[in-house]
Amino acid sequence: MITPAFSAAPTPTVFIVNVIHARPGLQDEAFAIIQDVVRLASGKPGFLWSNLAKSTDGLTVVNIEAIADEGNVGEFFSDPVFVEKFRRLDEVSTSEFHTYRVTDLILPRIEPAA
């Protein structure tokens, strides 16, 4: 189990970014489907956290998910239940996902006290 902790320097992290283009009027349904998928993934080794967001224009849903390693993607998709839930997105949207590795972390600049 991974324990949350603060670090002075960025830790190499892998992100999955799902961009889900909902069919008109189906943003809430697309959100519920990816939420179900992510909840299933949250119990799997390598899952760190996820942010799910709906666009304000009602057209897209985004899942930004941190995982321990690129290999976790294959592990998630080796689960037939995961695949079945993920494929439900095809009924209400088109979607894509990309894998990213963090190479820089920029935090807010804090001005020294006067």
PDB file of N, CA and C in Angstrom:
ATOM      1  N   MET A   1       0.844  -1.182   0.000  1.00  0.00           N
ATOM      2  CA  MET A   1       0.000   0.000   0.000  1.00  0.00           C
ATOM      3  C   MET A   1       0.883   1.237   0.000  1.00  0.00           C
ATOM      4  N   ILE A   2       0.482   2.231  -0.746  1.00  0.00           N
ATOM      5  CA  ILE A   2       1.226   3.476  -0.855  1.00  0.00           C
ATOM      6  C   ILE A   2       0.692   4.443   0.191  1.00  0.00           C
ATOM      7  N   THR A   3       1.600   5.070   0.928  1.00  0.00           N
ATOM      8  CA  THR A   3       1.215   6.037   1.943  1.00  0.00           C
ATOM      9  C   THR A   3       1.510   7.435   1.442  1.00  0.00           C
ATOM     10  N   PRO A   4       0.510   8.345   1.477  1.00  0.00           N
ATOM     11  CA  PRO A   4       0.750   9.710   1.020  1.00  0.00           C
ATOM     12  C   PRO A   4       1.804  10.394   1.895  1.00  0.00           C
ATOM     13  N   ALA A   5       2.671  11.176   1.264  1.00  0.00           N
ATOM     14  CA  ALA A   5       3.683  11.934   1.990  1.00  0.00           C
ATOM     15  C   ALA A   5       4.122  13.114   1.145  1.00  0.00           C
ATOM     16  N   PHE A   6       4.599  14.166   1.799  1.00  0.00           N
ATOM     17  CA  PHE A   6       5.125  15.327   1.093  1.00  0.00           C
ATOM     18  C   PHE A   6       6.576  15.084   0.734  1.00  0.00           C
ATOM     19  N   SER A   7       6.994  15.679  -0.373  1.00  0.00           N
ATOM     20  CA  SER A   7       8.363  15.532  -0.842  1.00  0.00           C
ATOM     21  C   SER A   7       8.858  16.893  -1.305  1.00  0.00           C
ATOM     22  N   ALA A   8      10.125  17.189  -1.052  1.00  0.00           N
ATOM     23  CA  ALA A   8      10.692  18.473  -1.463  1.00  0.00           C
ATOM     24  C   ALA A   8      10.938  18.531  -2.962  1.00  0.00           C
ATOM     25  N   ALA A   9      11.088  17.381  -3.590  1.00  0.00           N
ATOM     26  CA  ALA A   9      11.355  17.320  -5.026  1.00  0.00           C
ATOM     27  C   ALA A   9      10.287  16.466  -5.698  1.00  0.00           C
ATOM     28  N   PRO A  10      10.048  16.694  -6.998  1.00  0.00           N
ATOM     29  CA  PRO A  10       9.038  15.878  -7.670  1.00  0.00           C
ATOM     30  C   PRO A  10       9.458  14.413  -7.735  1.00  0.00           C
ATOM     31  N   THR A  11       8.489  13.559  -7.547  1.00  0.00           N
ATOM     32  CA  THR A  11       8.695  12.126  -7.670  1.00  0.00           C
ATOM     33  C   THR A  11       8.277  11.727  -9.074  1.00  0.00           C
ATOM     34  N   PRO A  12       9.069  10.912  -9.768  1.00  0.00           N
ATOM     35  CA  PRO A  12       8.637  10.484 -11.097  1.00  0.00           C
ATOM     36  C   PRO A  12       7.235   9.859 -11.025  1.00  0.00           C
ATOM     37  N   THR A  13       6.336  10.400 -11.783  1.00  0.00           N
ATOM     38  CA  THR A  13       4.948   9.948 -11.768  1.00  0.00           C
ATOM     39  C   THR A  13       4.478   9.779 -13.204  1.00  0.00           C
ATOM     40  N   VAL A  14       3.625   8.809 -13.402  1.00  0.00           N
ATOM     41  CA  VAL A  14       3.019   8.574 -14.704  1.00  0.00           C
ATOM     42  C   VAL A  14       1.555   8.970 -14.606  1.00  0.00           C
ATOM     43  N   PHE A  15       1.094   9.696 -15.615  1.00  0.00           N
ATOM     44  CA  PHE A  15      -0.302  10.103 -15.662  1.00  0.00           C
ATOM     45  C   PHE A  15      -0.972   9.520 -16.891  1.00  0.00           C
ATOM     46  N   ILE A  16      -2.199   9.110 -16.707  1.00  0.00           N
ATOM     47  CA  ILE A  16      -3.082   8.760 -17.815  1.00  0.00           C
ATOM     48  C   ILE A  16      -4.067   9.904 -17.929  1.00  0.00           C
ATOM     49  N   VAL A  17      -4.224  10.445 -19.117  1.00  0.00           N
ATOM     50  CA  VAL A  17      -5.206  11.496 -19.346  1.00  0.00           C
ATOM     51  C   VAL A  17      -6.223  10.963 -20.343  1.00  0.00           C
ATOM     52  N   ASN A  18      -7.445  10.763 -19.860  1.00  0.00           N
ATOM     53  CA  ASN A  18      -8.562  10.358 -20.712  1.00  0.00           C
ATOM     54  C   ASN A  18      -9.340  11.609 -21.080  1.00  0.00           C
ATOM     55  N   VAL A  19      -9.535  11.848 -22.356  1.00  0.00           N
ATOM     56  CA  VAL A  19     -10.408  12.919 -22.823  1.00  0.00           C
ATOM     57  C   VAL A  19     -11.606  12.245 -23.457  1.00  0.00           C
ATOM     58  N   ILE A  20     -12.766  12.503 -22.888  1.00  0.00           N
ATOM     59  CA  ILE A  20     -13.997  11.826 -23.296  1.00  0.00           C
ATOM     60  C   ILE A  20     -14.929  12.871 -23.895  1.00  0.00           C
ATOM     61  N   HIS A  21     -15.210  12.723 -25.190  1.00  0.00           N
ATOM     62  CA  HIS A  21     -16.081  13.649 -25.912  1.00  0.00           C
ATOM     63  C   HIS A  21     -17.488  13.067 -25.909  1.00  0.00           C
ATOM     64  N   ALA A  22     -18.319  13.559 -25.003  1.00  0.00           N
ATOM     65  CA  ALA A  22     -19.669  13.021 -24.839  1.00  0.00           C
ATOM     66  C   ALA A  22     -20.565  13.425 -26.012  1.00  0.00           C
ATOM     67  N   ARG A  23     -21.455  12.503 -26.364  1.00  0.00           N
ATOM     68  CA  ARG A  23     -22.480  12.855 -27.343  1.00  0.00           C
ATOM     69  C   ARG A  23     -23.404  13.892 -26.700  1.00  0.00           C
ATOM     70  N   PRO A  24     -24.065  14.719 -27.511  1.00  0.00           N
ATOM     71  CA  PRO A  24     -24.908  15.785 -26.957  1.00  0.00           C
ATOM     72  C   PRO A  24     -25.876  15.266 -25.894  1.00  0.00           C
ATOM     73  N   GLY A  25     -25.860  15.954 -24.757  1.00  0.00           N
ATOM     74  CA  GLY A  25     -26.762  15.622 -23.661  1.00  0.00           C
ATOM     75  C   GLY A  25     -26.328  14.437 -22.808  1.00  0.00           C
ATOM     76  N   LEU A  26     -25.163  13.843 -23.089  1.00  0.00           N
ATOM     77  CA  LEU A  26     -24.756  12.632 -22.380  1.00  0.00           C
ATOM     78  C   LEU A  26     -23.501  12.818 -21.510  1.00  0.00           C
ATOM     79  N   GLN A  27     -23.165  14.064 -21.204  1.00  0.00           N
ATOM     80  CA  GLN A  27     -21.976  14.304 -20.392  1.00  0.00           C
ATOM     81  C   GLN A  27     -22.090  13.641 -19.014  1.00  0.00           C
ATOM     82  N   ASP A  28     -23.244  13.774 -18.362  1.00  0.00           N
ATOM     83  CA  ASP A  28     -23.402  13.177 -17.031  1.00  0.00           C
ATOM     84  C   ASP A  28     -23.273  11.664 -17.080  1.00  0.00           C
ATOM     85  N   GLU A  29     -23.812  11.050 -18.126  1.00  0.00           N
ATOM     86  CA  GLU A  29     -23.700   9.601 -18.261  1.00  0.00           C
ATOM     87  C   GLU A  29     -22.250   9.185 -18.512  1.00  0.00           C
ATOM     88  N   ALA A  30     -21.554   9.930 -19.363  1.00  0.00           N
ATOM     89  CA  ALA A  30     -20.138   9.636 -19.605  1.00  0.00           C
ATOM     90  C   ALA A  30     -19.337   9.786 -18.321  1.00  0.00           C
ATOM     91  N   PHE A  31     -19.642  10.808 -17.538  1.00  0.00           N
ATOM     92  CA  PHE A  31     -18.958  11.017 -16.260  1.00  0.00           C
ATOM     93  C   PHE A  31     -19.202   9.828 -15.329  1.00  0.00           C
ATOM     94  N   ALA A  32     -20.452   9.379 -15.234  1.00  0.00           N
ATOM     95  CA  ALA A  32     -20.782   8.246 -14.348  1.00  0.00           C
ATOM     96  C   ALA A  32     -20.043   6.980 -14.785  1.00  0.00           C
ATOM     97  N   ILE A  33     -19.900   6.775 -16.082  1.00  0.00           N
ATOM     98  CA  ILE A  33     -19.207   5.576 -16.577  1.00  0.00           C
ATOM     99  C   ILE A  33     -17.726   5.630 -16.224  1.00  0.00           C
ATOM    100  N   ILE A  34     -17.050   6.751 -16.500  1.00  0.00           N
ATOM    101  CA  ILE A  34     -15.618   6.812 -16.193  1.00  0.00           C
ATOM    102  C   ILE A  34     -15.400   6.803 -14.678  1.00  0.00           C
ATOM    103  N   GLN A  35     -16.328   7.342 -13.937  1.00  0.00           N
ATOM    104  CA  GLN A  35     -16.240   7.287 -12.476  1.00  0.00           C
ATOM    105  C   GLN A  35     -16.283   5.837 -12.001  1.00  0.00           C
ATOM    106  N   ASP A  36     -17.147   5.035 -12.592  1.00  0.00           N
ATOM    107  CA  ASP A  36     -17.245   3.611 -12.268  1.00  0.00           C
ATOM    108  C   ASP A  36     -15.951   2.882 -12.634  1.00  0.00           C
ATOM    109  N   VAL A  37     -15.396   3.211 -13.800  1.00  0.00           N
ATOM    110  CA  VAL A  37     -14.132   2.611 -14.244  1.00  0.00           C
ATOM    111  C   VAL A  37     -13.011   2.948 -13.264  1.00  0.00           C
ATOM    112  N   VAL A  38     -12.917   4.210 -12.895  1.00  0.00           N
ATOM    113  CA  VAL A  38     -11.841   4.649 -12.005  1.00  0.00           C
ATOM    114  C   VAL A  38     -12.007   4.040 -10.611  1.00  0.00           C
ATOM    115  N   ARG A  39     -13.221   3.931 -10.142  1.00  0.00           N
ATOM    116  CA  ARG A  39     -13.424   3.305  -8.824  1.00  0.00           C
ATOM    117  C   ARG A  39     -12.941   1.859  -8.845  1.00  0.00           C
ATOM    118  N   LEU A  40     -13.167   1.148  -9.945  1.00  0.00           N
ATOM    119  CA  LEU A  40     -12.656  -0.214 -10.062  1.00  0.00           C
ATOM    120  C   LEU A  40     -11.125  -0.194 -10.077  1.00  0.00           C
ATOM    121  N   ALA A  41     -10.537   0.710 -10.857  1.00  0.00           N
ATOM    122  CA  ALA A  41      -9.071   0.803 -10.948  1.00  0.00           C
ATOM    123  C   ALA A  41      -8.451   1.180  -9.605  1.00  0.00           C
ATOM    124  N   SER A  42      -9.183   1.917  -8.785  1.00  0.00           N
ATOM    125  CA  SER A  42      -8.626   2.398  -7.517  1.00  0.00           C
ATOM    126  C   SER A  42      -8.251   1.273  -6.557  1.00  0.00           C
ATOM    127  N   GLY A  43      -8.784   0.095  -6.779  1.00  0.00           N
ATOM    128  CA  GLY A  43      -8.445  -1.046  -5.937  1.00  0.00           C
ATOM    129  C   GLY A  43      -7.302  -1.877  -6.486  1.00  0.00           C
ATOM    130  N   LYS A  44      -6.732  -1.453  -7.587  1.00  0.00           N
ATOM    131  CA  LYS A  44      -5.674  -2.233  -8.236  1.00  0.00           C
ATOM    132  C   LYS A  44      -4.291  -1.692  -7.861  1.00  0.00           C
ATOM    133  N   PRO A  45      -3.298  -2.593  -7.817  1.00  0.00           N
ATOM    134  CA  PRO A  45      -1.929  -2.140  -7.543  1.00  0.00           C
ATOM    135  C   PRO A  45      -1.480  -1.125  -8.590  1.00  0.00           C
ATOM    136  N   GLY A  46      -0.785  -0.109  -8.134  1.00  0.00           N
ATOM    137  CA  GLY A  46      -0.265   0.905  -9.034  1.00  0.00           C
ATOM    138  C   GLY A  46      -1.132   2.142  -9.154  1.00  0.00           C
ATOM    139  N   PHE A  47      -2.394   2.052  -8.776  1.00  0.00           N
ATOM    140  CA  PHE A  47      -3.269   3.224  -8.821  1.00  0.00           C
ATOM    141  C   PHE A  47      -2.868   4.166  -7.689  1.00  0.00           C
ATOM    142  N   LEU A  48      -2.681   5.463  -8.017  1.00  0.00           N
ATOM    143  CA  LEU A  48      -2.326   6.443  -6.994  1.00  0.00           C
ATOM    144  C   LEU A  48      -3.494   7.371  -6.669  1.00  0.00           C
ATOM    145  N   TRP A  49      -4.069   8.009  -7.691  1.00  0.00           N
ATOM    146  CA  TRP A  49      -5.219   8.887  -7.502  1.00  0.00           C
ATOM    147  C   TRP A  49      -5.781   9.291  -8.864  1.00  0.00           C
ATOM    148  N   SER A  50      -6.949   9.908  -8.833  1.00  0.00           N
ATOM    149  CA  SER A  50      -7.576  10.382 -10.064  1.00  0.00           C
ATOM    150  C   SER A  50      -8.348  11.664  -9.789  1.00  0.00           C
ATOM    151  N   ASN A  51      -8.325  12.566 -10.755  1.00  0.00           N
ATOM    152  CA  ASN A  51      -9.196  13.744 -10.778  1.00  0.00           C
ATOM    153  C   ASN A  51     -10.147  13.559 -11.943  1.00  0.00           C
ATOM    154  N   LEU A  52     -11.431  13.676 -11.691  1.00  0.00           N
ATOM    155  CA  LEU A  52     -12.434  13.615 -12.749  1.00  0.00           C
ATOM    156  C   LEU A  52     -13.079  14.985 -12.859  1.00  0.00           C
ATOM    157  N   ALA A  53     -13.226  15.468 -14.088  1.00  0.00           N
ATOM    158  CA  ALA A  53     -13.796  16.797 -14.285  1.00  0.00           C
ATOM    159  C   ALA A  53     -14.725  16.803 -15.488  1.00  0.00           C
ATOM    160  N   LYS A  54     -15.756  17.654 -15.386  1.00  0.00           N
ATOM    161  CA  LYS A  54     -16.669  17.904 -16.502  1.00  0.00           C
ATOM    162  C   LYS A  54     -16.378  19.293 -17.039  1.00  0.00           C
ATOM    163  N   SER A  55     -16.348  19.432 -18.358  1.00  0.00           N
ATOM    164  CA  SER A  55     -16.172  20.766 -18.939  1.00  0.00           C
ATOM    165  C   SER A  55     -17.420  21.594 -18.670  1.00  0.00           C
ATOM    166  N   THR A  56     -17.232  22.877 -18.593  1.00  0.00           N
ATOM    167  CA  THR A  56     -18.357  23.769 -18.318  1.00  0.00           C
ATOM    168  C   THR A  56     -19.281  23.923 -19.519  1.00  0.00           C
ATOM    169  N   ASP A  57     -18.828  23.515 -20.701  1.00  0.00           N
ATOM    170  CA  ASP A  57     -19.688  23.611 -21.889  1.00  0.00           C
ATOM    171  C   ASP A  57     -20.545  22.367 -22.097  1.00  0.00           C
ATOM    172  N   GLY A  58     -20.400  21.371 -21.209  1.00  0.00           N
ATOM    173  CA  GLY A  58     -21.227  20.173 -21.295  1.00  0.00           C
ATOM    174  C   GLY A  58     -20.794  19.169 -22.343  1.00  0.00           C
ATOM    175  N   LEU A  59     -19.592  19.327 -22.907  1.00  0.00           N
ATOM    176  CA  LEU A  59     -19.185  18.482 -24.026  1.00  0.00           C
ATOM    177  C   LEU A  59     -18.159  17.394 -23.688  1.00  0.00           C
ATOM    178  N   THR A  60     -17.335  17.627 -22.681  1.00  0.00           N
ATOM    179  CA  THR A  60     -16.268  16.659 -22.409  1.00  0.00           C
ATOM    180  C   THR A  60     -16.176  16.317 -20.923  1.00  0.00           C
ATOM    181  N   VAL A  61     -15.513  15.204 -20.692  1.00  0.00           N
ATOM    182  CA  VAL A  61     -15.151  14.745 -19.350  1.00  0.00           C
ATOM    183  C   VAL A  61     -13.672  14.401 -19.431  1.00  0.00           C
ATOM    184  N   VAL A  62     -12.931  14.702 -18.370  1.00  0.00           N
ATOM    185  CA  VAL A  62     -11.513  14.390 -18.341  1.00  0.00           C
ATOM    186  C   VAL A  62     -11.202  13.600 -17.079  1.00  0.00           C
ATOM    187  N   ASN A  63     -10.402  12.553 -17.260  1.00  0.00           N
ATOM    188  CA  ASN A  63      -9.861  11.787 -16.140  1.00  0.00           C
ATOM    189  C   ASN A  63      -8.352  11.963 -16.177  1.00  0.00           C
ATOM    190  N   ILE A  64      -7.811  12.579 -15.132  1.00  0.00           N
ATOM    191  CA  ILE A  64      -6.361  12.691 -14.984  1.00  0.00           C
ATOM    192  C   ILE A  64      -6.007  11.762 -13.829  1.00  0.00           C
ATOM    193  N   GLU A  65      -5.303  10.702 -14.171  1.00  0.00           N
ATOM    194  CA  GLU A  65      -5.079   9.606 -13.220  1.00  0.00           C
ATOM    195  C   GLU A  65      -3.587   9.359 -13.042  1.00  0.00           C
ATOM    196  N   ALA A  66      -3.141   9.344 -11.809  1.00  0.00           N
ATOM    197  CA  ALA A  66      -1.735   9.056 -11.514  1.00  0.00           C
ATOM    198  C   ALA A  66      -1.586   7.574 -11.208  1.00  0.00           C
ATOM    199  N   ILE A  67      -0.596   6.964 -11.863  1.00  0.00           N
ATOM    200  CA  ILE A  67      -0.309   5.552 -11.626  1.00  0.00           C
ATOM    201  C   ILE A  67       1.185   5.396 -11.374  1.00  0.00           C
ATOM    202  N   ALA A  68       1.565   4.272 -10.815  1.00  0.00           N
ATOM    203  CA  ALA A  68       2.957   4.064 -10.432  1.00  0.00           C
ATOM    204  C   ALA A  68       3.871   3.836 -11.627  1.00  0.00           C
ATOM    205  N   ASP A  69       3.348   3.216 -12.694  1.00  0.00           N
ATOM    206  CA  ASP A  69       4.212   2.820 -13.802  1.00  0.00           C
ATOM    207  C   ASP A  69       3.371   2.627 -15.056  1.00  0.00           C
ATOM    208  N   GLU A  70       3.984   2.825 -16.218  1.00  0.00           N
ATOM    209  CA  GLU A  70       3.273   2.619 -17.486  1.00  0.00           C
ATOM    210  C   GLU A  70       2.680   1.220 -17.597  1.00  0.00           C
ATOM    211  N   GLY A  71       3.343   0.237 -17.002  1.00  0.00           N
ATOM    212  CA  GLY A  71       2.866  -1.144 -17.062  1.00  0.00           C
ATOM    213  C   GLY A  71       1.524  -1.357 -16.395  1.00  0.00           C
ATOM    214  N   ASN A  72       1.135  -0.435 -15.512  1.00  0.00           N
ATOM    215  CA  ASN A  72      -0.162  -0.571 -14.862  1.00  0.00           C
ATOM    216  C   ASN A  72      -1.318  -0.499 -15.848  1.00  0.00           C
ATOM    217  N   VAL A  73      -1.124   0.229 -16.957  1.00  0.00           N
ATOM    218  CA  VAL A  73      -2.185   0.333 -17.964  1.00  0.00           C
ATOM    219  C   VAL A  73      -2.534  -1.058 -18.484  1.00  0.00           C
ATOM    220  N   GLY A  74      -1.523  -1.823 -18.854  1.00  0.00           N
ATOM    221  CA  GLY A  74      -1.761  -3.184 -19.338  1.00  0.00           C
ATOM    222  C   GLY A  74      -2.400  -4.064 -18.286  1.00  0.00           C
ATOM    223  N   GLU A  75      -2.006  -3.877 -17.040  1.00  0.00           N
ATOM    224  CA  GLU A  75      -2.606  -4.657 -15.951  1.00  0.00           C
ATOM    225  C   GLU A  75      -4.084  -4.324 -15.804  1.00  0.00           C
ATOM    226  N   PHE A  76      -4.420  -3.033 -15.883  1.00  0.00           N
ATOM    227  CA  PHE A  76      -5.832  -2.645 -15.767  1.00  0.00           C
ATOM    228  C   PHE A  76      -6.647  -3.280 -16.894  1.00  0.00           C
ATOM    229  N   PHE A  77      -6.116  -3.186 -18.135  1.00  0.00           N
ATOM    230  CA  PHE A  77      -6.852  -3.690 -19.287  1.00  0.00           C
ATOM    231  C   PHE A  77      -6.810  -5.215 -19.405  1.00  0.00           C
ATOM    232  N   SER A  78      -6.056  -5.892 -18.567  1.00  0.00           N
ATOM    233  CA  SER A  78      -6.078  -7.355 -18.562  1.00  0.00           C
ATOM    234  C   SER A  78      -7.259  -7.890 -17.754  1.00  0.00           C
ATOM    235  N   ASP A  79      -7.948  -7.014 -17.057  1.00  0.00           N
ATOM    236  CA  ASP A  79      -9.125  -7.391 -16.260  1.00  0.00           C
ATOM    237  C   ASP A  79     -10.367  -7.265 -17.142  1.00  0.00           C
ATOM    238  N   PRO A  80     -11.053  -8.378 -17.430  1.00  0.00           N
ATOM    239  CA  PRO A  80     -12.229  -8.300 -18.311  1.00  0.00           C
ATOM    240  C   PRO A  80     -13.344  -7.406 -17.775  1.00  0.00           C
ATOM    241  N   VAL A  81     -13.479  -7.306 -16.471  1.00  0.00           N
ATOM    242  CA  VAL A  81     -14.515  -6.428 -15.892  1.00  0.00           C
ATOM    243  C   VAL A  81     -14.157  -4.973 -16.178  1.00  0.00           C
ATOM    244  N   PHE A  82     -12.882  -4.629 -16.020  1.00  0.00           N
ATOM    245  CA  PHE A  82     -12.413  -3.278 -16.324  1.00  0.00           C
ATOM    246  C   PHE A  82     -12.689  -2.948 -17.788  1.00  0.00           C
ATOM    247  N   VAL A  83     -12.333  -3.864 -18.693  1.00  0.00           N
ATOM    248  CA  VAL A  83     -12.521  -3.646 -20.133  1.00  0.00           C
ATOM    249  C   VAL A  83     -14.002  -3.450 -20.457  1.00  0.00           C
ATOM    250  N   GLU A  84     -14.854  -4.280 -19.871  1.00  0.00           N
ATOM    251  CA  GLU A  84     -16.303  -4.160 -20.111  1.00  0.00           C
ATOM    252  C   GLU A  84     -16.817  -2.793 -19.672  1.00  0.00           C
ATOM    253  N   LYS A  85     -16.416  -2.347 -18.494  1.00  0.00           N
ATOM    254  CA  LYS A  85     -16.854  -1.043 -18.000  1.00  0.00           C
ATOM    255  C   LYS A  85     -16.302   0.081 -18.885  1.00  0.00           C
ATOM    256  N   PHE A  86     -15.021  -0.018 -19.272  1.00  0.00           N
ATOM    257  CA  PHE A  86     -14.395   1.016 -20.100  1.00  0.00           C
ATOM    258  C   PHE A  86     -15.081   1.104 -21.459  1.00  0.00           C
ATOM    259  N   ARG A  87     -15.438  -0.026 -22.035  1.00  0.00           N
ATOM    260  CA  ARG A  87     -16.096  -0.038 -23.359  1.00  0.00           C
ATOM    261  C   ARG A  87     -17.480   0.591 -23.342  1.00  0.00           C
ATOM    262  N   ARG A  88     -18.087   0.694 -22.175  1.00  0.00           N
ATOM    263  CA  ARG A  88     -19.392   1.360 -22.076  1.00  0.00           C
ATOM    264  C   ARG A  88     -19.304   2.817 -22.513  1.00  0.00           C
ATOM    265  N   LEU A  89     -18.100   3.402 -22.417  1.00  0.00           N
ATOM    266  CA  LEU A  89     -17.933   4.782 -22.889  1.00  0.00           C
ATOM    267  C   LEU A  89     -18.270   4.916 -24.367  1.00  0.00           C
ATOM    268  N   ASP A  90     -18.029   3.859 -25.151  1.00  0.00           N
ATOM    269  CA  ASP A  90     -18.300   3.908 -26.596  1.00  0.00           C
ATOM    270  C   ASP A  90     -19.777   4.139 -26.900  1.00  0.00           C
ATOM    271  N   GLU A  91     -20.649   3.800 -25.955  1.00  0.00           N
ATOM    272  CA  GLU A  91     -22.092   3.970 -26.161  1.00  0.00           C
ATOM    273  C   GLU A  91     -22.513   5.431 -26.057  1.00  0.00           C
ATOM    274  N   VAL A  92     -21.725   6.247 -25.349  1.00  0.00           N
ATOM    275  CA  VAL A  92     -22.139   7.625 -25.084  1.00  0.00           C
ATOM    276  C   VAL A  92     -21.114   8.667 -25.528  1.00  0.00           C
ATOM    277  N   SER A  93     -19.982   8.195 -26.076  1.00  0.00           N
ATOM    278  CA  SER A  93     -18.917   9.149 -26.373  1.00  0.00           C
ATOM    279  C   SER A  93     -17.880   8.558 -27.318  1.00  0.00           C
ATOM    280  N   THR A  94     -16.980   9.421 -27.740  1.00  0.00           N
ATOM    281  CA  THR A  94     -15.706   8.973 -28.294  1.00  0.00           C
ATOM    282  C   THR A  94     -14.671   9.378 -27.250  1.00  0.00           C
ATOM    283  N   SER A  95     -13.602   8.633 -27.173  1.00  0.00           N
ATOM    284  CA  SER A  95     -12.617   8.969 -26.146  1.00  0.00           C
ATOM    285  C   SER A  95     -11.220   8.587 -26.614  1.00  0.00           C
ATOM    286  N   GLU A  96     -10.258   9.153 -25.938  1.00  0.00           N
ATOM    287  CA  GLU A  96      -8.860   8.849 -26.201  1.00  0.00           C
ATOM    288  C   GLU A  96      -8.122   8.943 -24.881  1.00  0.00           C
ATOM    289  N   PHE A  97      -7.031   8.218 -24.784  1.00  0.00           N
ATOM    290  CA  PHE A  97      -6.187   8.429 -23.622  1.00  0.00           C
ATOM    291  C   PHE A  97      -4.734   8.363 -24.024  1.00  0.00           C
ATOM    292  N   HIS A  98      -3.949   9.119 -23.273  1.00  0.00           N
ATOM    293  CA  HIS A  98      -2.514   9.199 -23.507  1.00  0.00           C
ATOM    294  C   HIS A  98      -1.802   9.005 -22.175  1.00  0.00           C
ATOM    295  N   THR A  99      -0.575   8.527 -22.248  1.00  0.00           N
ATOM    296  CA  THR A  99       0.238   8.308 -21.063  1.00  0.00           C
ATOM    297  C   THR A  99       1.341   9.360 -21.029  1.00  0.00           C
ATOM    298  N   TYR A 100       1.538   9.961 -19.878  1.00  0.00           N
ATOM    299  CA  TYR A 100       2.535  11.010 -19.708  1.00  0.00           C
ATOM    300  C   TYR A 100       3.423  10.693 -18.510  1.00  0.00           C
ATOM    301  N   ARG A 101       4.682  11.072 -18.583  1.00  0.00           N
ATOM    302  CA  ARG A 101       5.594  10.981 -17.444  1.00  0.00           C
ATOM    303  C   ARG A 101       5.966  12.398 -17.048  1.00  0.00           C
ATOM    304  N   VAL A 102       5.833  12.713 -15.769  1.00  0.00           N
ATOM    305  CA  VAL A 102       6.174  14.040 -15.272  1.00  0.00           C
ATOM    306  C   VAL A 102       7.673  14.269 -15.422  1.00  0.00           C
ATOM    307  N   THR A 103       8.025  15.395 -16.023  1.00  0.00           N
ATOM    308  CA  THR A 103       9.433  15.752 -16.167  1.00  0.00           C
ATOM    309  C   THR A 103       9.765  17.069 -15.476  1.00  0.00           C
ATOM    310  N   ASP A 104       8.743  17.797 -15.036  1.00  0.00           N
ATOM    311  CA  ASP A 104       8.974  19.037 -14.313  1.00  0.00           C
ATOM    312  C   ASP A 104       7.751  19.329 -13.463  1.00  0.00           C
ATOM    313  N   LEU A 105       7.978  19.889 -12.304  1.00  0.00           N
ATOM    314  CA  LEU A 105       6.902  20.303 -11.401  1.00  0.00           C
ATOM    315  C   LEU A 105       7.144  21.763 -11.061  1.00  0.00           C
ATOM    316  N   ILE A 106       6.190  22.613 -11.354  1.00  0.00           N
ATOM    317  CA  ILE A 106       6.320  24.036 -11.072  1.00  0.00           C
ATOM    318  C   ILE A 106       5.276  24.400 -10.035  1.00  0.00           C
ATOM    319  N   LEU A 107       5.745  24.875  -8.915  1.00  0.00           N
ATOM    320  CA  LEU A 107       4.870  25.268  -7.813  1.00  0.00           C
ATOM    321  C   LEU A 107       4.768  26.786  -7.758  1.00  0.00           C
ATOM    322  N   PRO A 108       3.749  27.316  -7.073  1.00  0.00           N
ATOM    323  CA  PRO A 108       3.630  28.771  -6.974  1.00  0.00           C
ATOM    324  C   PRO A 108       4.874  29.376  -6.315  1.00  0.00           C
ATOM    325  N   ARG A 109       5.284  30.501  -6.838  1.00  0.00           N
ATOM    326  CA  ARG A 109       6.416  31.215  -6.254  1.00  0.00           C
ATOM    327  C   ARG A 109       5.914  31.929  -5.003  1.00  0.00           C
ATOM    328  N   ILE A 110       6.602  31.765  -3.934  1.00  0.00           N
ATOM    329  CA  ILE A 110       6.225  32.410  -2.670  1.00  0.00           C
ATOM    330  C   ILE A 110       7.237  33.512  -2.410  1.00  0.00           C
ATOM    331  N   GLU A 111       6.733  34.725  -2.322  1.00  0.00           N
ATOM    332  CA  GLU A 111       7.589  35.887  -2.066  1.00  0.00           C
ATOM    333  C   GLU A 111       7.984  35.879  -0.592  1.00  0.00           C
ATOM    334  N   PRO A 112       9.245  36.175  -0.292  1.00  0.00           N
ATOM    335  CA  PRO A 112       9.665  36.233   1.111  1.00  0.00           C
ATOM    336  C   PRO A 112       8.937  37.351   1.850  1.00  0.00           C
ATOM    337  N   ALA A 113       8.695  37.112   3.106  1.00  0.00           N
ATOM    338  CA  ALA A 113       8.021  38.115   3.940  1.00  0.00           C
ATOM    339  C   ALA A 113       8.915  39.348   4.076  1.00  0.00           C
ATOM    340  N   ALA A 114       8.291  40.505   4.070  1.00  0.00           N
ATOM    341  CA  ALA A 114       9.060  41.754   4.157  1.00  0.00           C
ATOM    342  C   ALA A 114       9.532  42.016   5.560  1.00  0.00           C
TER     343      ALA A 114
END
